[in-house]
All heavy atoms as atom14 arrays in JSON, in Angstrom:
{
  "sequence": "TAGGLEVIFAASSGVGVSTGAITPIPATDNGDGTYSTTFTGETAGT",
  "atom14_mask": [
    [1, 1, 1, 1, 1, 1, 1, 0, 0, 0, 0, 0, 0, 0],
    [1, 1, 1, 1, 1, 0, 0, 0, 0, 0, 0, 0, 0, 0],
    [1, 1, 1, 1, 0, 0, 0, 0, 0, 0, 0, 0, 0, 0],
    [1, 1, 1, 1, 0, 0, 0, 0, 0, 0, 0, 0, 0, 0],
    [1, 1, 1, 1, 1, 1, 1, 1, 0, 0, 0, 0, 0, 0],
    [1, 1, 1, 1, 1, 1, 1, 1, 1, 0, 0, 0, 0, 0],
    [1, 1, 1, 1, 1, 1, 1, 0, 0, 0, 0, 0, 0, 0],
    [1, 1, 1, 1, 1, 1, 1, 1, 0, 0, 0, 0, 0, 0],
    [1, 1, 1, 1, 1, 1, 1, 1, 1, 1, 1, 0, 0, 0],
    [1, 1, 1, 1, 1, 0, 0, 0, 0, 0, 0, 0, 0, 0],
    [1, 1, 1, 1, 1, 0, 0, 0, 0, 0, 0, 0, 0, 0],
    [1, 1, 1, 1, 1, 1, 0, 0, 0, 0, 0, 0, 0, 0],
    [1, 1, 1, 1, 1, 1, 0, 0, 0, 0, 0, 0, 0, 0],
    [1, 1, 1, 1, 0, 0, 0, 0, 0, 0, 0, 0, 0, 0],
    [1, 1, 1, 1, 1, 1, 1, 0, 0, 0, 0, 0, 0, 0],
    [1, 1, 1, 1, 0, 0, 0, 0, 0, 0, 0, 0, 0, 0],
    [1, 1, 1, 1, 1, 1, 1, 0, 0, 0, 0, 0, 0, 0],
    [1, 1, 1, 1, 1, 1, 0, 0, 0, 0, 0, 0, 0, 0],
    [1, 1, 1, 1, 1, 1, 1, 0, 0, 0, 0, 0, 0, 0],
    [1, 1, 1, 1, 0, 0, 0, 0, 0, 0, 0, 0, 0, 0],
    [1, 1, 1, 1, 1, 0, 0, 0, 0, 0, 0, 0, 0, 0],
    [1, 1, 1, 1, 1, 1, 1, 1, 0, 0, 0, 0, 0, 0],
    [1, 1, 1, 1, 1, 1, 1, 0, 0, 0, 0, 0, 0, 0],
    [1, 1, 1, 1, 1, 1, 1, 0, 0, 0, 0, 0, 0, 0],
    [1, 1, 1, 1, 1, 1, 1, 1, 0, 0, 0, 0, 0, 0],
    [1, 1, 1, 1, 1, 1, 1, 0, 0, 0, 0, 0, 0, 0],
    [1, 1, 1, 1, 1, 0, 0, 0, 0, 0, 0, 0, 0, 0],
    [1, 1, 1, 1, 1, 1, 1, 0, 0, 0, 0, 0, 0, 0],
    [1, 1, 1, 1, 1, 1, 1, 1, 0, 0, 0, 0, 0, 0],
    [1, 1, 1, 1, 1, 1, 1, 1, 0, 0, 0, 0, 0, 0],
    [1, 1, 1, 1, 0, 0, 0, 0, 0, 0, 0, 0, 0, 0],
    [1, 1, 1, 1, 1, 1, 1, 1, 0, 0, 0, 0, 0, 0],
    [1, 1, 1, 1, 0, 0, 0, 0, 0, 0, 0, 0, 0, 0],
    [1, 1, 1, 1, 1, 1, 1, 0, 0, 0, 0, 0, 0, 0],
    [1, 1, 1, 1, 1, 1, 1, 1, 1, 1, 1, 1, 0, 0],
    [1, 1, 1, 1, 1, 1, 0, 0, 0, 0, 0, 0, 0, 0],
    [1, 1, 1, 1, 1, 1, 1, 0, 0, 0, 0, 0, 0, 0],
    [1, 1, 1, 1, 1, 1, 1, 0, 0, 0, 0, 0, 0, 0],
    [1, 1, 1, 1, 1, 1, 1, 1, 1, 1, 1, 0, 0, 0],
    [1, 1, 1, 1, 1, 1, 1, 0, 0, 0, 0, 0, 0, 0],
    [1, 1, 1, 1, 0, 0, 0, 0, 0, 0, 0, 0, 0, 0],
    [1, 1, 1, 1, 1, 1, 1, 1, 1, 0, 0, 0, 0, 0],
    [1, 1, 1, 1, 1, 1, 1, 0, 0, 0, 0, 0, 0, 0],
    [1, 1, 1, 1, 1, 0, 0, 0, 0, 0, 0, 0, 0, 0],
    [1, 1, 1, 1, 0, 0, 0, 0, 0, 0, 0, 0, 0, 0],
    [1, 1, 1, 1, 1, 1, 1, 0, 0, 0, 0, 0, 0, 0]
  ],
  "atom14_positions": [
    [[22.21, 17.53, -20.23], [22.98, 17.79, -19.12], [22.24, 18.87, -18.07], [22.76, 19.32, -17.21], [24.38, 18.4, -19.48], [24.2, 19.57, -20.27], [25.14, 17.38, -20.13], [0.0, 0.0, 0.0], [0.0, 0.0, 0.0], [0.0, 0.0, 0.0], [0.0, 0.0, 0.0], [0.0, 0.0, 0.0], [0.0, 0.0, 0.0], [0.0, 0.0, 0.0]],
    [[21.06, 19.3, -18.52], [20.17, 20.18, -17.58], [18.86, 19.52, -17.54], [18.31, 18.67, -18.22], [20.24, 21.56, -18.16], [0.0, 0.0, 0.0], [0.0, 0.0, 0.0], [0.0, 0.0, 0.0], [0.0, 0.0, 0.0], [0.0, 0.0, 0.0], [0.0, 0.0, 0.0], [0.0, 0.0, 0.0], [0.0, 0.0, 0.0], [0.0, 0.0, 0.0]],
    [[18.13, 20.04, -16.49], [16.75, 19.57, -16.13], [15.68, 20.42, -16.76], [15.91, 21.06, -17.96], [0.0, 0.0, 0.0], [0.0, 0.0, 0.0], [0.0, 0.0, 0.0], [0.0, 0.0, 0.0], [0.0, 0.0, 0.0], [0.0, 0.0, 0.0], [0.0, 0.0, 0.0], [0.0, 0.0, 0.0], [0.0, 0.0, 0.0], [0.0, 0.0, 0.0]],
    [[14.5, 20.4, -16.13], [13.41, 21.33, -16.63], [12.31, 20.55, -17.34], [11.41, 21.19, -17.81], [0.0, 0.0, 0.0], [0.0, 0.0, 0.0], [0.0, 0.0, 0.0], [0.0, 0.0, 0.0], [0.0, 0.0, 0.0], [0.0, 0.0, 0.0], [0.0, 0.0, 0.0], [0.0, 0.0, 0.0], [0.0, 0.0, 0.0], [0.0, 0.0, 0.0]],
    [[12.4, 19.14, -17.33], [11.28, 18.51, -17.95], [10.25, 17.89, -16.96], [10.71, 17.74, -15.71], [11.98, 17.3, -18.98], [12.81, 17.65, -20.0], [13.51, 16.48, -20.47], [12.21, 18.59, -20.92], [0.0, 0.0, 0.0], [0.0, 0.0, 0.0], [0.0, 0.0, 0.0], [0.0, 0.0, 0.0], [0.0, 0.0, 0.0], [0.0, 0.0, 0.0]],
    [[9.18, 17.55, -17.31], [8.24, 16.83, -16.45], [8.25, 15.47, -16.82], [7.74, 15.02, -17.92], [6.79, 17.43, -16.48], [5.77, 16.65, -15.59], [4.45, 17.22, -15.95], [3.9, 16.89, -16.76], [3.85, 17.81, -14.82], [0.0, 0.0, 0.0], [0.0, 0.0, 0.0], [0.0, 0.0, 0.0], [0.0, 0.0, 0.0], [0.0, 0.0, 0.0]],
    [[8.71, 14.53, -15.92], [8.85, 13.09, -16.17], [7.92, 12.38, -15.21], [8.0, 12.63, -14.05], [10.26, 12.7, -16.1], [10.32, 11.15, -16.21], [11.23, 13.35, -17.14], [0.0, 0.0, 0.0], [0.0, 0.0, 0.0], [0.0, 0.0, 0.0], [0.0, 0.0, 0.0], [0.0, 0.0, 0.0], [0.0, 0.0, 0.0], [0.0, 0.0, 0.0]],
    [[7.09, 11.63, -15.82], [6.18, 10.67, -14.86], [6.46, 9.2, -15.12], [6.29, 8.83, -16.4], [4.78, 11.14, -15.11], [4.46, 12.62, -14.78], [3.8, 10.17, -14.34], [3.15, 13.12, -15.03], [0.0, 0.0, 0.0], [0.0, 0.0, 0.0], [0.0, 0.0, 0.0], [0.0, 0.0, 0.0], [0.0, 0.0, 0.0], [0.0, 0.0, 0.0]],
    [[6.76, 8.53, -14.19], [6.84, 6.99, -14.25], [5.51, 6.33, -14.04], [4.72, 6.76, -13.36], [7.91, 6.59, -13.38], [9.27, 6.82, -13.67], [9.84, 8.06, -13.13], [10.15, 6.05, -14.4], [11.19, 8.52, -13.39], [11.45, 6.39, -14.72], [11.9, 7.55, -14.3], [0.0, 0.0, 0.0], [0.0, 0.0, 0.0], [0.0, 0.0, 0.0]],
    [[5.47, 5.18, -14.74], [4.14, 4.4, -14.48], [4.45, 2.9, -14.71], [5.39, 2.64, -15.39], [2.89, 4.95, -15.45], [0.0, 0.0, 0.0], [0.0, 0.0, 0.0], [0.0, 0.0, 0.0], [0.0, 0.0, 0.0], [0.0, 0.0, 0.0], [0.0, 0.0, 0.0], [0.0, 0.0, 0.0], [0.0, 0.0, 0.0], [0.0, 0.0, 0.0]],
    [[3.71, 2.12, -13.96], [3.86, 0.64, -14.12], [2.63, 0.01, -14.88], [1.61, 0.56, -14.65], [3.93, 0.02, -12.86], [0.0, 0.0, 0.0], [0.0, 0.0, 0.0], [0.0, 0.0, 0.0], [0.0, 0.0, 0.0], [0.0, 0.0, 0.0], [0.0, 0.0, 0.0], [0.0, 0.0, 0.0], [0.0, 0.0, 0.0], [0.0, 0.0, 0.0]],
    [[2.77, -0.96, -15.69], [1.8, -1.6, -16.35], [0.94, -2.47, -15.48], [1.45, -2.9, -14.38], [2.29, -2.49, -17.47], [3.13, -3.5, -16.96], [0.0, 0.0, 0.0], [0.0, 0.0, 0.0], [0.0, 0.0, 0.0], [0.0, 0.0, 0.0], [0.0, 0.0, 0.0], [0.0, 0.0, 0.0], [0.0, 0.0, 0.0], [0.0, 0.0, 0.0]],
    [[-0.25, -2.66, -15.8], [-1.15, -3.42, -14.95], [-1.84, -4.67, -15.68], [-1.77, -4.64, -16.85], [-2.25, -2.52, -14.37], [-2.95, -1.9, -15.35], [0.0, 0.0, 0.0], [0.0, 0.0, 0.0], [0.0, 0.0, 0.0], [0.0, 0.0, 0.0], [0.0, 0.0, 0.0], [0.0, 0.0, 0.0], [0.0, 0.0, 0.0], [0.0, 0.0, 0.0]],
    [[-2.64, -5.5, -14.91], [-3.2, -6.62, -15.5], [-3.45, -7.6, -14.42], [-2.92, -7.57, -13.37], [0.0, 0.0, 0.0], [0.0, 0.0, 0.0], [0.0, 0.0, 0.0], [0.0, 0.0, 0.0], [0.0, 0.0, 0.0], [0.0, 0.0, 0.0], [0.0, 0.0, 0.0], [0.0, 0.0, 0.0], [0.0, 0.0, 0.0], [0.0, 0.0, 0.0]],
    [[-4.23, -8.73, -14.83], [-4.46, -9.73, -13.81], [-3.17, -10.42, -13.53], [-2.44, -10.89, -14.41], [-5.54, -10.75, -14.46], [-5.73, -11.91, -13.42], [-6.9, -9.97, -14.82], [0.0, 0.0, 0.0], [0.0, 0.0, 0.0], [0.0, 0.0, 0.0], [0.0, 0.0, 0.0], [0.0, 0.0, 0.0], [0.0, 0.0, 0.0], [0.0, 0.0, 0.0]],
    [[-2.86, -10.55, -12.32], [-1.73, -11.23, -11.82], [-0.36, -10.52, -11.92], [0.68, -11.08, -11.72], [0.0, 0.0, 0.0], [0.0, 0.0, 0.0], [0.0, 0.0, 0.0], [0.0, 0.0, 0.0], [0.0, 0.0, 0.0], [0.0, 0.0, 0.0], [0.0, 0.0, 0.0], [0.0, 0.0, 0.0], [0.0, 0.0, 0.0], [0.0, 0.0, 0.0]],
    [[-0.4, -9.22, -12.4], [0.77, -8.44, -12.65], [1.15, -7.8, -11.27], [0.33, -7.42, -10.51], [0.63, -7.48, -13.74], [1.77, -6.54, -13.84], [0.25, -8.05, -14.96], [0.0, 0.0, 0.0], [0.0, 0.0, 0.0], [0.0, 0.0, 0.0], [0.0, 0.0, 0.0], [0.0, 0.0, 0.0], [0.0, 0.0, 0.0], [0.0, 0.0, 0.0]],
    [[2.41, -7.8, -11.04], [3.02, -7.13, -9.78], [2.51, -5.68, -9.83], [2.37, -4.99, -10.91], [4.55, -7.23, -9.92], [4.99, -8.48, -9.85], [0.0, 0.0, 0.0], [0.0, 0.0, 0.0], [0.0, 0.0, 0.0], [0.0, 0.0, 0.0], [0.0, 0.0, 0.0], [0.0, 0.0, 0.0], [0.0, 0.0, 0.0], [0.0, 0.0, 0.0]],
    [[2.34, -5.17, -8.64], [1.99, -3.81, -8.4], [2.88, -3.13, -7.38], [3.45, -3.91, -6.55], [0.54, -3.63, -7.99], [0.32, -4.15, -6.68], [-0.48, -4.28, -8.97], [0.0, 0.0, 0.0], [0.0, 0.0, 0.0], [0.0, 0.0, 0.0], [0.0, 0.0, 0.0], [0.0, 0.0, 0.0], [0.0, 0.0, 0.0], [0.0, 0.0, 0.0]],
    [[3.01, -1.87, -7.4], [3.77, -1.15, -6.52], [3.47, 0.33, -6.5], [2.73, 0.84, -7.41], [0.0, 0.0, 0.0], [0.0, 0.0, 0.0], [0.0, 0.0, 0.0], [0.0, 0.0, 0.0], [0.0, 0.0, 0.0], [0.0, 0.0, 0.0], [0.0, 0.0, 0.0], [0.0, 0.0, 0.0], [0.0, 0.0, 0.0], [0.0, 0.0, 0.0]],
    [[3.84, 0.96, -5.46], [3.58, 2.48, -5.4], [4.89, 3.24, -5.95], [6.08, 2.98, -5.59], [3.4, 2.81, -3.93], [0.0, 0.0, 0.0], [0.0, 0.0, 0.0], [0.0, 0.0, 0.0], [0.0, 0.0, 0.0], [0.0, 0.0, 0.0], [0.0, 0.0, 0.0], [0.0, 0.0, 0.0], [0.0, 0.0, 0.0], [0.0, 0.0, 0.0]],
    [[4.55, 4.17, -6.89], [5.7, 4.96, -7.47], [5.58, 6.37, -6.79], [4.49, 7.14, -6.96], [5.47, 5.11, -9.03], [5.68, 3.72, -9.64], [6.45, 6.11, -9.58], [5.41, 3.59, -11.15], [0.0, 0.0, 0.0], [0.0, 0.0, 0.0], [0.0, 0.0, 0.0], [0.0, 0.0, 0.0], [0.0, 0.0, 0.0], [0.0, 0.0, 0.0]],
    [[6.61, 6.91, -6.2], [6.59, 8.18, -5.6], [8.04, 8.84, -5.71], [8.96, 7.99, -5.65], [6.23, 8.12, -4.11], [7.09, 7.29, -3.43], [4.86, 7.71, -3.92], [0.0, 0.0, 0.0], [0.0, 0.0, 0.0], [0.0, 0.0, 0.0], [0.0, 0.0, 0.0], [0.0, 0.0, 0.0], [0.0, 0.0, 0.0], [0.0, 0.0, 0.0]],
    [[8.21, 10.06, -6.01], [7.1, 11.07, -6.24], [6.65, 11.02, -7.6], [7.33, 10.51, -8.5], [7.65, 12.36, -5.87], [9.13, 12.19, -6.17], [9.48, 10.8, -5.91], [0.0, 0.0, 0.0], [0.0, 0.0, 0.0], [0.0, 0.0, 0.0], [0.0, 0.0, 0.0], [0.0, 0.0, 0.0], [0.0, 0.0, 0.0], [0.0, 0.0, 0.0]],
    [[5.5, 11.67, -7.77], [4.95, 11.88, -9.17], [4.71, 13.37, -9.27], [3.79, 13.94, -8.47], [3.64, 11.09, -9.42], [3.98, 9.6, -9.38], [3.12, 11.41, -10.81], [2.67, 8.71, -9.56], [0.0, 0.0, 0.0], [0.0, 0.0, 0.0], [0.0, 0.0, 0.0], [0.0, 0.0, 0.0], [0.0, 0.0, 0.0], [0.0, 0.0, 0.0]],
    [[5.17, 14.13, -10.25], [6.3, 13.74, -11.19], [7.59, 13.3, -10.43], [7.73, 13.57, -9.32], [6.48, 15.05, -12.02], [5.17, 15.82, -11.88], [4.76, 15.57, -10.37], [0.0, 0.0, 0.0], [0.0, 0.0, 0.0], [0.0, 0.0, 0.0], [0.0, 0.0, 0.0], [0.0, 0.0, 0.0], [0.0, 0.0, 0.0], [0.0, 0.0, 0.0]],
    [[8.48, 12.68, -11.29], [9.66, 12.29, -10.73], [10.58, 13.5, -10.33], [10.36, 14.62, -10.66], [10.38, 11.47, -11.66], [0.0, 0.0, 0.0], [0.0, 0.0, 0.0], [0.0, 0.0, 0.0], [0.0, 0.0, 0.0], [0.0, 0.0, 0.0], [0.0, 0.0, 0.0], [0.0, 0.0, 0.0], [0.0, 0.0, 0.0], [0.0, 0.0, 0.0]],
    [[11.57, 13.16, -9.35], [12.51, 14.21, -9.0], [13.41, 14.7, -10.17], [14.09, 13.69, -10.8], [13.32, 13.73, -7.86], [12.52, 13.35, -6.77], [14.37, 14.76, -7.46], [0.0, 0.0, 0.0], [0.0, 0.0, 0.0], [0.0, 0.0, 0.0], [0.0, 0.0, 0.0], [0.0, 0.0, 0.0], [0.0, 0.0, 0.0], [0.0, 0.0, 0.0]],
    [[13.57, 15.99, -10.38], [14.47, 16.46, -11.49], [15.75, 16.7, -10.73], [15.89, 17.44, -9.93], [13.78, 17.7, -11.99], [14.77, 18.43, -13.03], [15.86, 18.01, -13.24], [14.23, 19.39, -13.76], [0.0, 0.0, 0.0], [0.0, 0.0, 0.0], [0.0, 0.0, 0.0], [0.0, 0.0, 0.0], [0.0, 0.0, 0.0], [0.0, 0.0, 0.0]],
    [[16.77, 15.92, -11.18], [18.05, 15.95, -10.55], [18.94, 17.14, -11.12], [20.12, 17.29, -10.69], [18.86, 14.74, -10.83], [18.08, 13.48, -10.02], [17.68, 13.67, -8.89], [17.87, 12.4, -10.81], [0.0, 0.0, 0.0], [0.0, 0.0, 0.0], [0.0, 0.0, 0.0], [0.0, 0.0, 0.0], [0.0, 0.0, 0.0], [0.0, 0.0, 0.0]],
    [[18.36, 17.87, -12.14], [19.11, 19.03, -12.65], [20.25, 18.77, -13.56], [20.94, 19.65, -14.02], [0.0, 0.0, 0.0], [0.0, 0.0, 0.0], [0.0, 0.0, 0.0], [0.0, 0.0, 0.0], [0.0, 0.0, 0.0], [0.0, 0.0, 0.0], [0.0, 0.0, 0.0], [0.0, 0.0, 0.0], [0.0, 0.0, 0.0], [0.0, 0.0, 0.0]],
    [[20.38, 17.5, -14.01], [21.61, 17.14, -14.82], [21.15, 16.29, -15.99], [21.97, 15.52, -16.62], [22.62, 16.28, -13.96], [22.06, 15.15, -13.24], [20.89, 14.76, -13.48], [22.81, 14.36, -12.67], [0.0, 0.0, 0.0], [0.0, 0.0, 0.0], [0.0, 0.0, 0.0], [0.0, 0.0, 0.0], [0.0, 0.0, 0.0], [0.0, 0.0, 0.0]],
    [[19.85, 16.25, -16.3], [19.33, 15.47, -17.39], [18.84, 14.13, -17.0], [18.39, 13.35, -17.87], [0.0, 0.0, 0.0], [0.0, 0.0, 0.0], [0.0, 0.0, 0.0], [0.0, 0.0, 0.0], [0.0, 0.0, 0.0], [0.0, 0.0, 0.0], [0.0, 0.0, 0.0], [0.0, 0.0, 0.0], [0.0, 0.0, 0.0], [0.0, 0.0, 0.0]],
    [[18.96, 13.93, -15.66], [18.28, 12.58, -15.11], [17.15, 12.92, -14.14], [17.16, 13.98, -13.53], [19.41, 11.78, -14.39], [19.75, 12.39, -13.16], [20.64, 11.49, -15.25], [0.0, 0.0, 0.0], [0.0, 0.0, 0.0], [0.0, 0.0, 0.0], [0.0, 0.0, 0.0], [0.0, 0.0, 0.0], [0.0, 0.0, 0.0], [0.0, 0.0, 0.0]],
    [[16.38, 11.9, -14.09], [15.0, 11.99, -13.25], [14.86, 10.67, -12.55], [14.95, 9.74, -13.26], [13.88, 12.39, -14.15], [14.04, 13.65, -14.98], [14.79, 13.65, -16.23], [13.46, 14.82, -14.52], [14.98, 14.87, -16.88], [13.59, 16.23, -15.25], [14.43, 16.13, -16.35], [14.58, 17.26, -17.01], [0.0, 0.0, 0.0], [0.0, 0.0, 0.0]],
    [[14.37, 10.84, -11.36], [14.38, 9.5, -10.51], [13.1, 9.52, -9.67], [12.55, 10.56, -9.22], [15.65, 9.37, -9.62], [15.87, 10.45, -8.78], [0.0, 0.0, 0.0], [0.0, 0.0, 0.0], [0.0, 0.0, 0.0], [0.0, 0.0, 0.0], [0.0, 0.0, 0.0], [0.0, 0.0, 0.0], [0.0, 0.0, 0.0], [0.0, 0.0, 0.0]],
    [[12.76, 8.35, -9.23], [11.63, 8.1, -8.32], [11.84, 6.76, -7.59], [12.68, 6.04, -8.0], [10.32, 8.31, -9.04], [9.26, 8.3, -8.1], [10.14, 7.05, -10.01], [0.0, 0.0, 0.0], [0.0, 0.0, 0.0], [0.0, 0.0, 0.0], [0.0, 0.0, 0.0], [0.0, 0.0, 0.0], [0.0, 0.0, 0.0], [0.0, 0.0, 0.0]],
    [[10.96, 6.39, -6.8], [11.07, 5.03, -6.23], [9.83, 4.26, -6.51], [8.74, 4.67, -6.67], [11.26, 5.14, -4.66], [10.02, 5.86, -4.11], [12.49, 5.94, -4.19], [0.0, 0.0, 0.0], [0.0, 0.0, 0.0], [0.0, 0.0, 0.0], [0.0, 0.0, 0.0], [0.0, 0.0, 0.0], [0.0, 0.0, 0.0], [0.0, 0.0, 0.0]],
    [[10.06, 2.92, -6.55], [9.0, 1.88, -6.76], [9.01, 1.0, -5.54], [10.02, 0.34, -5.2], [9.15, 1.1, -8.01], [8.29, 0.09, -8.25], [7.13, 0.24, -9.09], [8.46, -1.28, -7.79], [6.2, -0.77, -9.29], [7.59, -2.25, -8.0], [6.43, -2.02, -8.86], [0.0, 0.0, 0.0], [0.0, 0.0, 0.0], [0.0, 0.0, 0.0]],
    [[7.97, 1.01, -4.84], [7.79, 0.24, -3.53], [6.97, -0.91, -3.87], [5.66, -0.68, -4.27], [7.3, 1.03, -2.35], [8.07, 2.23, -2.15], [7.19, 0.16, -1.11], [0.0, 0.0, 0.0], [0.0, 0.0, 0.0], [0.0, 0.0, 0.0], [0.0, 0.0, 0.0], [0.0, 0.0, 0.0], [0.0, 0.0, 0.0], [0.0, 0.0, 0.0]],
    [[7.39, -2.19, -3.74], [6.53, -3.33, -3.98], [5.3, -3.43, -3.09], [5.46, -3.35, -1.87], [0.0, 0.0, 0.0], [0.0, 0.0, 0.0], [0.0, 0.0, 0.0], [0.0, 0.0, 0.0], [0.0, 0.0, 0.0], [0.0, 0.0, 0.0], [0.0, 0.0, 0.0], [0.0, 0.0, 0.0], [0.0, 0.0, 0.0], [0.0, 0.0, 0.0]],
    [[4.26, -3.77, -3.77], [2.9, -3.92, -2.97], [2.3, -5.28, -3.04], [2.0, -6.0, -2.2], [1.86, -2.85, -3.4], [2.32, -1.46, -2.95], [1.27, -0.35, -3.47], [0.43, -0.66, -4.28], [1.21, 0.53, -2.84], [0.0, 0.0, 0.0], [0.0, 0.0, 0.0], [0.0, 0.0, 0.0], [0.0, 0.0, 0.0], [0.0, 0.0, 0.0]],
    [[2.2, -5.78, -4.45], [1.46, -7.04, -4.61], [2.42, -7.83, -5.53], [2.85, -7.49, -6.62], [0.15, -6.86, -5.42], [-0.65, -6.0, -4.55], [-0.55, -8.17, -5.48], [0.0, 0.0, 0.0], [0.0, 0.0, 0.0], [0.0, 0.0, 0.0], [0.0, 0.0, 0.0], [0.0, 0.0, 0.0], [0.0, 0.0, 0.0], [0.0, 0.0, 0.0]],
    [[2.79, -9.22, -5.07], [3.51, -10.13, -5.8], [2.74, -10.49, -7.1], [1.48, -10.65, -7.14], [4.0, -11.22, -4.92], [0.0, 0.0, 0.0], [0.0, 0.0, 0.0], [0.0, 0.0, 0.0], [0.0, 0.0, 0.0], [0.0, 0.0, 0.0], [0.0, 0.0, 0.0], [0.0, 0.0, 0.0], [0.0, 0.0, 0.0], [0.0, 0.0, 0.0]],
    [[3.57, -10.73, -8.12], [2.9, -11.25, -9.28], [3.87, -11.35, -10.58], [5.13, -11.3, -10.26], [0.0, 0.0, 0.0], [0.0, 0.0, 0.0], [0.0, 0.0, 0.0], [0.0, 0.0, 0.0], [0.0, 0.0, 0.0], [0.0, 0.0, 0.0], [0.0, 0.0, 0.0], [0.0, 0.0, 0.0], [0.0, 0.0, 0.0], [0.0, 0.0, 0.0]],
    [[3.48, -11.4, -11.77], [4.35, -11.44, -12.87], [4.96, -10.05, -13.08], [4.48, -9.03, -12.55], [3.62, -11.84, -14.07], [2.46, -10.97, -14.33], [2.96, -13.29, -13.92], [0.0, 0.0, 0.0], [0.0, 0.0, 0.0], [0.0, 0.0, 0.0], [0.0, 0.0, 0.0], [0.0, 0.0, 0.0], [0.0, 0.0, 0.0], [0.0, 0.0, 0.0]]
  ]
}
């Protein structure tokens, strides 16, 4: 129920795999035990 952690999101990669931009890094600490960020699509794929 409290924040204070460093959380970093990442997406897997590979040939033909979808890609996107993750921001911000580290993720936003919402102060309630949850952390969030955005994934913006860049390359279509699996």
